[in-house]
Amino acid sequence: MAYPRVLSDLINSFKRLPGIGEKSAERLALSILDFSEDEVNNFANSLVDSRKNLHKCEVCGHITDKDKCDICLDESRDHNVICVLEDYKSVFAFEKAGNYNGVYHVLNGLISPIDGVNPEDINLASLVSRVKELDHPEIIIALKSTIEGETTTLYLKKIFEGKDVEISRLSYGIPMGTEIDYLDEITLDRALSDRKKIS
């Protein structure tokens, strides 16, 4: 079908979003046409503000619109327990599950030499710095069960070996290769409760 160029551009913009195909993009684009001018402006401003004002927390690497994220600023949480995650989407998954009261550390990637991603390319140095400031901390490794996830897990184990750090990982009730942020809350909660120490 020959769309007007402006509509075609809008459809193509929606198609760039994950999980959005041609039909969904068309439906979303056409629904925008029913918005009032104020609603369109608010929508556009939200997109611009998100891109402009969201950045990595200076402590944990999660996304925030402040210097430090709300989780790192929350004094009621146990800052001695750090859950290590690949990306910020996994933080939202844990928070939706609602039973974790520690803090997080977002690596923003996994070690993958074949792809040219080395330890210094992900957010590891700041984790080491954080752990040095803590008294007998626990690190919970919550990375996906892939070669990259296992490589990163082994590297973490190695750098904290011989130090006063307890390292555990989520239980393997999680299917191999599953992305953390796609898990339902019950599965994630059970995996967290049944975490295993890494010896």
C-alpha atoms as a PDB file:
ATOM      1  CA  MET A   1       0.000   0.000   0.000  1.00  0.00           C
ATOM      2  CA  ALA A   2       1.285   3.488  -0.844  1.00  0.00           C
ATOM      3  CA  TYR A   3       1.214   5.526   2.360  1.00  0.00           C
ATOM      4  CA  PRO A   4       1.779   9.287   2.367  1.00  0.00           C
ATOM      5  CA  ARG A   5       5.500   9.832   2.957  1.00  0.00           C
ATOM      6  CA  VAL A   6       4.999  11.328   6.446  1.00  0.00           C
ATOM      7  CA  LEU A   7       2.878   8.363   7.548  1.00  0.00           C
ATOM      8  CA  SER A   8       5.342   5.929   6.003  1.00  0.00           C
ATOM      9  CA  ASP A   9       8.182   7.563   7.963  1.00  0.00           C
ATOM     10  CA  LEU A  10       6.159   7.265  11.193  1.00  0.00           C
ATOM     11  CA  ILE A  11       5.417   3.577  10.525  1.00  0.00           C
ATOM     12  CA  ASN A  12       9.099   2.916   9.846  1.00  0.00           C
ATOM     13  CA  SER A  13      10.008   4.657  13.112  1.00  0.00           C
ATOM     14  CA  PHE A  14       7.703   2.370  15.079  1.00  0.00           C
ATOM     15  CA  LYS A  15       9.117  -0.675  13.273  1.00  0.00           C
ATOM     16  CA  ARG A  16      12.495   0.083  14.815  1.00  0.00           C
ATOM     17  CA  LEU A  17      11.084  -0.808  18.239  1.00  0.00           C
ATOM     18  CA  PRO A  18      11.644  -4.418  19.401  1.00  0.00           C
ATOM     19  CA  GLY A  19       8.740  -6.776  18.741  1.00  0.00           C
ATOM     20  CA  ILE A  20       6.937  -4.340  16.447  1.00  0.00           C
ATOM     21  CA  GLY A  21       6.207  -5.673  12.963  1.00  0.00           C
ATOM     22  CA  GLU A  22       4.554  -4.046   9.952  1.00  0.00           C
ATOM     23  CA  LYS A  23       0.950  -4.455  11.161  1.00  0.00           C
ATOM     24  CA  SER A  24       1.641  -3.283  14.713  1.00  0.00           C
ATOM     25  CA  ALA A  25       3.663  -0.317  13.435  1.00  0.00           C
ATOM     26  CA  GLU A  26       0.828   0.637  11.099  1.00  0.00           C
ATOM     27  CA  ARG A  27      -1.743   0.388  13.924  1.00  0.00           C
ATOM     28  CA  LEU A  28       0.395   2.516  16.259  1.00  0.00           C
ATOM     29  CA  ALA A  29       1.082   5.137  13.590  1.00  0.00           C
ATOM     30  CA  LEU A  30      -2.593   5.426  12.659  1.00  0.00           C
ATOM     31  CA  SER A  31      -3.562   5.740  16.346  1.00  0.00           C
ATOM     32  CA  ILE A  32      -1.237   8.746  16.635  1.00  0.00           C
ATOM     33  CA  LEU A  33      -3.393  10.495  14.027  1.00  0.00           C
ATOM     34  CA  ASP A  34      -6.279  10.391  16.506  1.00  0.00           C
ATOM     35  CA  PHE A  35      -4.242  12.167  19.202  1.00  0.00           C
ATOM     36  CA  SER A  36      -4.884  15.812  19.935  1.00  0.00           C
ATOM     37  CA  GLU A  37      -2.046  18.224  19.199  1.00  0.00           C
ATOM     38  CA  ASP A  38      -1.253  18.440  22.935  1.00  0.00           C
ATOM     39  CA  GLU A  39      -1.122  14.653  23.228  1.00  0.00           C
ATOM     40  CA  VAL A  40       1.228  14.433  20.240  1.00  0.00           C
ATOM     41  CA  ASN A  41       3.459  17.147  21.699  1.00  0.00           C
ATOM     42  CA  ASN A  42       3.541  15.388  25.092  1.00  0.00           C
ATOM     43  CA  PHE A  43       4.387  12.088  23.398  1.00  0.00           C
ATOM     44  CA  ALA A  44       7.171  13.682  21.354  1.00  0.00           C
ATOM     45  CA  ASN A  45       8.516  15.546  24.391  1.00  0.00           C
ATOM     46  CA  SER A  46       8.592  12.311  26.416  1.00  0.00           C
ATOM     47  CA  LEU A  47      10.719  10.668  23.721  1.00  0.00           C
ATOM     48  CA  VAL A  48      13.114  13.617  23.556  1.00  0.00           C
ATOM     49  CA  ASP A  49      13.318  13.930  27.362  1.00  0.00           C
ATOM     50  CA  SER A  50      14.007  10.198  27.752  1.00  0.00           C
ATOM     51  CA  ARG A  51      16.856  10.309  25.251  1.00  0.00           C
ATOM     52  CA  LYS A  52      18.247  13.549  26.634  1.00  0.00           C
ATOM     53  CA  ASN A  53      17.901  13.086  30.397  1.00  0.00           C
ATOM     54  CA  LEU A  54      18.267   9.368  31.119  1.00  0.00           C
ATOM     55  CA  HIS A  55      21.838   8.227  31.766  1.00  0.00           C
ATOM     56  CA  LYS A  56      23.762   5.684  33.835  1.00  0.00           C
ATOM     57  CA  CYS A  57      23.793   5.942  37.620  1.00  0.00           C
ATOM     58  CA  GLU A  58      27.290   6.914  38.743  1.00  0.00           C
ATOM     59  CA  VAL A  59      27.238   4.142  41.368  1.00  0.00           C
ATOM     60  CA  CYS A  60      25.585   1.083  39.839  1.00  0.00           C
ATOM     61  CA  GLY A  61      25.169   1.729  36.098  1.00  0.00           C
ATOM     62  CA  HIS A  62      21.340   1.523  36.149  1.00  0.00           C
ATOM     63  CA  ILE A  63      19.433   4.218  34.251  1.00  0.00           C
ATOM     64  CA  THR A  64      18.332   7.356  36.071  1.00  0.00           C
ATOM     65  CA  ASP A  65      17.563  11.023  35.508  1.00  0.00           C
ATOM     66  CA  LYS A  66      19.716  11.984  38.527  1.00  0.00           C
ATOM     67  CA  ASP A  67      23.378  11.473  39.434  1.00  0.00           C
ATOM     68  CA  LYS A  68      22.422   8.396  41.480  1.00  0.00           C
ATOM     69  CA  CYS A  69      19.406   6.158  40.912  1.00  0.00           C
ATOM     70  CA  ASP A  70      16.591   5.872  43.478  1.00  0.00           C
ATOM     71  CA  ILE A  71      17.694   2.351  44.408  1.00  0.00           C
ATOM     72  CA  CYS A  72      21.222   3.452  45.316  1.00  0.00           C
ATOM     73  CA  LEU A  73      19.774   6.391  47.284  1.00  0.00           C
ATOM     74  CA  ASP A  74      17.364   4.169  49.232  1.00  0.00           C
ATOM     75  CA  GLU A  75      18.885   3.725  52.708  1.00  0.00           C
ATOM     76  CA  SER A  76      16.311   1.063  53.643  1.00  0.00           C
ATOM     77  CA  ARG A  77      17.907  -1.385  51.185  1.00  0.00           C
ATOM     78  CA  ASP A  78      20.791  -3.702  52.076  1.00  0.00           C
ATOM     79  CA  HIS A  79      23.774  -2.098  50.340  1.00  0.00           C
ATOM     80  CA  ASN A  80      25.951  -5.031  51.385  1.00  0.00           C
ATOM     81  CA  VAL A  81      24.157  -7.349  48.948  1.00  0.00           C
ATOM     82  CA  ILE A  82      24.795  -6.543  45.285  1.00  0.00           C
ATOM     83  CA  CYS A  83      22.989  -8.300  42.451  1.00  0.00           C
ATOM     84  CA  VAL A  84      25.094  -8.201  39.278  1.00  0.00           C
ATOM     85  CA  LEU A  85      23.079  -7.912  36.061  1.00  0.00           C
ATOM     86  CA  GLU A  86      23.850  -7.592  32.380  1.00  0.00           C
ATOM     87  CA  ASP A  87      21.576  -4.612  31.647  1.00  0.00           C
ATOM     88  CA  TYR A  88      19.107  -2.205  33.208  1.00  0.00           C
ATOM     89  CA  LYS A  89      16.087  -4.104  31.815  1.00  0.00           C
ATOM     90  CA  SER A  90      16.891  -6.913  34.256  1.00  0.00           C
ATOM     91  CA  VAL A  91      16.726  -4.442  37.172  1.00  0.00           C
ATOM     92  CA  PHE A  92      13.108  -3.701  36.277  1.00  0.00           C
ATOM     93  CA  ALA A  93      12.363  -7.445  36.192  1.00  0.00           C
ATOM     94  CA  PHE A  94      13.743  -7.914  39.726  1.00  0.00           C
ATOM     95  CA  GLU A  95      11.919  -4.853  41.015  1.00  0.00           C
ATOM     96  CA  LYS A  96       8.622  -6.128  39.595  1.00  0.00           C
ATOM     97  CA  ALA A  97       9.167  -9.424  41.435  1.00  0.00           C
ATOM     98  CA  GLY A  98       9.325  -7.243  44.542  1.00  0.00           C
ATOM     99  CA  ASN A  99      11.136  -9.481  47.042  1.00  0.00           C
ATOM    100  CA  TYR A 100      14.744  -8.350  46.626  1.00  0.00           C
ATOM    101  CA  ASN A 101      15.940  -5.721  49.072  1.00  0.00           C
ATOM    102  CA  GLY A 102      19.605  -5.438  48.106  1.00  0.00           C
ATOM    103  CA  VAL A 103      21.103  -3.159  45.462  1.00  0.00           C
ATOM    104  CA  TYR A 104      22.281  -3.772  41.905  1.00  0.00           C
ATOM    105  CA  HIS A 105      25.287  -3.444  39.674  1.00  0.00           C
ATOM    106  CA  VAL A 106      24.637  -3.236  35.935  1.00  0.00           C
ATOM    107  CA  LEU A 107      27.517  -4.402  33.759  1.00  0.00           C
ATOM    108  CA  ASN A 108      26.043  -3.009  30.535  1.00  0.00           C
ATOM    109  CA  GLY A 109      27.378  -5.994  28.614  1.00  0.00           C
ATOM    110  CA  LEU A 110      29.091  -9.357  29.041  1.00  0.00           C
ATOM    111  CA  ILE A 111      32.644 -10.470  28.364  1.00  0.00           C
ATOM    112  CA  SER A 112      32.859 -11.890  24.841  1.00  0.00           C
ATOM    113  CA  PRO A 113      36.389 -12.028  23.377  1.00  0.00           C
ATOM    114  CA  ILE A 114      35.045 -13.325  20.062  1.00  0.00           C
ATOM    115  CA  ASP A 115      33.054 -10.087  19.747  1.00  0.00           C
ATOM    116  CA  GLY A 116      35.930  -7.964  21.011  1.00  0.00           C
ATOM    117  CA  VAL A 117      34.269  -7.280  24.400  1.00  0.00           C
ATOM    118  CA  ASN A 118      36.893  -7.536  27.135  1.00  0.00           C
ATOM    119  CA  PRO A 119      36.591  -7.036  30.938  1.00  0.00           C
ATOM    120  CA  GLU A 120      37.649  -3.400  30.648  1.00  0.00           C
ATOM    121  CA  ASP A 121      34.824  -2.759  28.156  1.00  0.00           C
ATOM    122  CA  ILE A 122      32.040  -3.428  30.676  1.00  0.00           C
ATOM    123  CA  ASN A 123      31.188  -1.891  34.056  1.00  0.00           C
ATOM    124  CA  LEU A 124      33.462  -4.068  36.209  1.00  0.00           C
ATOM    125  CA  ALA A 125      36.007  -1.632  37.656  1.00  0.00           C
ATOM    126  CA  SER A 126      33.345   0.290  39.562  1.00  0.00           C
ATOM    127  CA  LEU A 127      32.005  -2.994  41.026  1.00  0.00           C
ATOM    128  CA  VAL A 128      35.457  -3.792  42.417  1.00  0.00           C
ATOM    129  CA  SER A 129      35.621  -0.277  43.915  1.00  0.00           C
ATOM    130  CA  ARG A 130      32.173  -0.647  45.500  1.00  0.00           C
ATOM    131  CA  VAL A 131      32.973  -4.025  47.039  1.00  0.00           C
ATOM    132  CA  LYS A 132      36.207  -2.708  48.613  1.00  0.00           C
ATOM    133  CA  GLU A 133      34.126  -0.275  50.687  1.00  0.00           C
ATOM    134  CA  LEU A 134      31.857  -2.990  52.128  1.00  0.00           C
ATOM    135  CA  ASP A 135      32.135  -5.333  55.113  1.00  0.00           C
ATOM    136  CA  HIS A 136      31.746  -8.997  54.084  1.00  0.00           C
ATOM    137  CA  PRO A 137      29.508  -8.273  51.069  1.00  0.00           C
ATOM    138  CA  GLU A 138      27.521 -10.782  49.043  1.00  0.00           C
ATOM    139  CA  ILE A 139      27.522 -10.636  45.260  1.00  0.00           C
ATOM    140  CA  ILE A 140      24.609 -12.375  43.567  1.00  0.00           C
ATOM    141  CA  ILE A 141      25.435 -13.138  39.943  1.00  0.00           C
ATOM    142  CA  ALA A 142      22.273 -13.009  37.851  1.00  0.00           C
ATOM    143  CA  LEU A 143      23.558 -13.411  34.305  1.00  0.00           C
ATOM    144  CA  LYS A 144      22.073 -15.490  31.522  1.00  0.00           C
ATOM    145  CA  SER A 145      23.292 -19.046  30.978  1.00  0.00           C
ATOM    146  CA  THR A 146      25.245 -18.490  27.777  1.00  0.00           C
ATOM    147  CA  ILE A 147      28.953 -18.699  26.959  1.00  0.00           C
ATOM    148  CA  GLU A 148      29.236 -14.938  27.533  1.00  0.00           C
ATOM    149  CA  GLY A 149      27.354 -15.160  30.834  1.00  0.00           C
ATOM    150  CA  GLU A 150      29.480 -18.058  32.060  1.00  0.00           C
ATOM    151  CA  THR A 151      32.702 -16.324  30.971  1.00  0.00           C
ATOM    152  CA  THR A 152      31.716 -13.198  32.894  1.00  0.00           C
ATOM    153  CA  THR A 153      30.708 -15.267  35.940  1.00  0.00           C
ATOM    154  CA  LEU A 154      34.088 -17.043  35.986  1.00  0.00           C
ATOM    155  CA  TYR A 155      35.899 -13.715  35.645  1.00  0.00           C
ATOM    156  CA  LEU A 156      33.948 -12.266  38.581  1.00  0.00           C
ATOM    157  CA  LYS A 157      34.761 -15.343  40.670  1.00  0.00           C
ATOM    158  CA  LYS A 158      38.443 -14.956  39.811  1.00  0.00           C
ATOM    159  CA  ILE A 159      38.757 -11.262  40.697  1.00  0.00           C
ATOM    160  CA  PHE A 160      37.077 -11.739  44.081  1.00  0.00           C
ATOM    161  CA  GLU A 161      38.834 -15.003  44.918  1.00  0.00           C
ATOM    162  CA  GLY A 162      40.603 -14.925  48.280  1.00  0.00           C
ATOM    163  CA  LYS A 163      38.762 -11.773  49.325  1.00  0.00           C
ATOM    164  CA  ASP A 164      36.112 -11.534  52.030  1.00  0.00           C
ATOM    165  CA  VAL A 165      33.292 -11.689  49.490  1.00  0.00           C
ATOM    166  CA  GLU A 166      30.492 -14.243  49.351  1.00  0.00           C
ATOM    167  CA  ILE A 167      29.535 -15.026  45.755  1.00  0.00           C
ATOM    168  CA  SER A 168      26.287 -16.742  44.830  1.00  0.00           C
ATOM    169  CA  ARG A 169      24.313 -17.161  41.636  1.00  0.00           C
ATOM    170  CA  LEU A 170      20.681 -17.644  40.762  1.00  0.00           C
ATOM    171  CA  SER A 171      19.512 -21.258  40.890  1.00  0.00           C
ATOM    172  CA  TYR A 172      19.293 -23.108  37.613  1.00  0.00           C
ATOM    173  CA  GLY A 173      15.512 -23.378  37.577  1.00  0.00           C
ATOM    174  CA  ILE A 174      15.985 -20.736  34.913  1.00  0.00           C
ATOM    175  CA  PRO A 175      15.966 -22.246  31.403  1.00  0.00           C
ATOM    176  CA  MET A 176      19.322 -22.160  29.604  1.00  0.00           C
ATOM    177  CA  GLY A 177      19.798 -19.059  27.478  1.00  0.00           C
ATOM    178  CA  THR A 178      16.809 -17.200  28.925  1.00  0.00           C
ATOM    179  CA  GLU A 179      17.018 -13.411  29.190  1.00  0.00           C
ATOM    180  CA  ILE A 180      16.481 -12.333  32.810  1.00  0.00           C
ATOM    181  CA  ASP A 181      14.066  -9.544  31.866  1.00  0.00           C
ATOM    182  CA  TYR A 182      11.733 -12.051  30.143  1.00  0.00           C
ATOM    183  CA  LEU A 183      11.252 -14.233  33.230  1.00  0.00           C
ATOM    184  CA  ASP A 184       7.974 -14.120  35.126  1.00  0.00           C
ATOM    185  CA  GLU A 185       8.057 -12.793  38.692  1.00  0.00           C
ATOM    186  CA  ILE A 186       7.483 -16.178  40.373  1.00  0.00           C
ATOM    187  CA  THR A 187      10.323 -17.930  38.505  1.00  0.00           C
ATOM    188  CA  LEU A 188      12.678 -15.032  39.194  1.00  0.00           C
ATOM    189  CA  ASP A 189      11.722 -14.883  42.873  1.00  0.00           C
ATOM    190  CA  ARG A 190      12.315 -18.637  43.327  1.00  0.00           C
ATOM    191  CA  ALA A 191      15.648 -18.463  41.513  1.00  0.00           C
ATOM    192  CA  LEU A 192      16.721 -15.618  43.794  1.00  0.00           C
ATOM    193  CA  SER A 193      15.583 -17.387  46.985  1.00  0.00           C
ATOM    194  CA  ASP A 194      17.316 -20.620  45.943  1.00  0.00           C
ATOM    195  CA  ARG A 195      20.578 -18.980  44.865  1.00  0.00           C
ATOM    196  CA  LYS A 196      23.720 -21.092  45.249  1.00  0.00           C
ATOM    197  CA  LYS A 197      27.135 -20.179  46.587  1.00  0.00           C
ATOM    198  CA  ILE A 198      29.889 -20.394  44.006  1.00  0.00           C
ATOM    199  CA  SER A 199      32.697 -22.482  45.445  1.00  0.00           C
END
